[in-house]
Amino acid sequence: MPKIEAVNLMKLIRPKIIGTLTIQKMMAGNLAVLNDIKNPPNKIVIPCRSAEHGEEIIAKIKESKPGEVIYI
């Protein structure tokens, strides 16, 4: 029987306006990809494991089109 690994993917629908995406340290000490938009419809907060993982997330978001579903 094949081994099945549990994969937790986050679903993100890319907003039309993404702003400036940066990797920042949260108050709890973990890293997250954030944008500079403060209002909920376009605000992005995505936890990441490392700075390299954050760079991959930013690249995926920038390559996608508005309204496209991205699994991270």
Protein backbone atom coordinates (compact mmCIF):
# COMPACT_ATOMS: atom_id res chain seq x y z
CA MET A 1 0.00 0.00 0.00
CA PRO A 2 1.50 3.40 -0.97
CA LYS A 3 2.32 5.86 1.76
CA ILE A 4 0.13 8.97 1.67
CA GLU A 5 1.64 12.18 2.98
CA ALA A 6 -0.53 14.93 4.39
CA VAL A 7 0.07 18.18 2.55
CA ASN A 8 -1.36 21.42 3.88
CA LEU A 9 -1.90 23.85 1.03
CA MET A 10 -3.17 27.38 1.39
CA LYS A 11 -5.57 28.61 -1.29
CA LEU A 12 -5.07 32.22 -2.38
CA ILE A 13 -7.11 34.06 -4.99
CA ARG A 14 -4.78 36.72 -6.33
CA PRO A 15 -6.25 40.22 -5.86
CA LYS A 16 -6.05 42.81 -8.61
CA ILE A 17 -3.86 45.11 -6.49
CA ILE A 18 -1.03 43.34 -4.62
CA GLY A 19 1.11 46.29 -3.54
CA THR A 20 4.68 45.75 -2.33
CA LEU A 21 5.28 42.19 -1.12
CA THR A 22 7.87 41.78 1.64
CA ILE A 23 9.04 39.07 4.03
CA GLN A 24 8.74 40.25 7.63
CA LYS A 25 9.13 38.74 11.07
CA MET A 26 5.85 38.52 12.97
CA MET A 27 5.49 39.27 16.69
CA ALA A 28 5.58 35.54 17.52
CA GLY A 29 8.96 35.23 15.77
CA ASN A 30 7.84 33.41 12.62
CA LEU A 31 8.22 34.77 9.08
CA ALA A 32 5.38 35.85 6.81
CA VAL A 33 4.89 37.38 3.37
CA LEU A 34 2.99 40.66 3.78
CA ASN A 35 1.88 43.45 1.49
CA ASP A 36 1.58 47.12 2.35
CA ILE A 37 -2.23 47.26 1.93
CA LYS A 38 -4.14 47.68 5.19
CA ASN A 39 -7.74 46.96 4.08
CA PRO A 40 -9.14 43.39 4.14
CA PRO A 41 -10.11 42.76 0.48
CA ASN A 42 -6.55 43.09 -0.80
CA LYS A 43 -4.51 42.44 2.37
CA ILE A 44 -2.13 39.46 2.14
CA VAL A 45 -0.56 37.65 5.12
CA ILE A 46 0.98 34.26 4.29
CA PRO A 47 3.13 32.41 6.87
CA CYS A 48 6.35 30.92 5.46
CA ARG A 49 8.99 28.49 6.76
CA SER A 50 12.09 30.43 5.69
CA ALA A 51 13.21 33.45 3.68
CA GLU A 52 13.75 31.21 0.63
CA HIS A 53 10.21 29.83 0.94
CA GLY A 54 8.94 33.42 1.17
CA GLU A 55 10.81 34.34 -2.03
CA GLU A 56 9.12 31.39 -3.82
CA ILE A 57 5.69 32.56 -2.60
CA ILE A 58 6.34 36.11 -3.82
CA ALA A 59 7.45 34.79 -7.23
CA LYS A 60 4.27 32.66 -7.54
CA ILE A 61 2.06 35.63 -6.68
CA LYS A 62 3.82 37.97 -9.13
CA GLU A 63 3.66 35.42 -11.99
CA SER A 64 -0.08 34.82 -11.58
CA LYS A 65 -2.91 36.86 -13.08
CA PRO A 66 -5.60 38.71 -11.06
CA GLY A 67 -8.38 36.34 -10.00
CA GLU A 68 -6.24 33.21 -10.51
CA VAL A 69 -6.27 30.58 -7.74
CA ILE A 70 -2.81 29.84 -6.30
CA TYR A 71 -2.05 26.92 -3.97
CA ILE A 72 0.86 27.62 -1.61
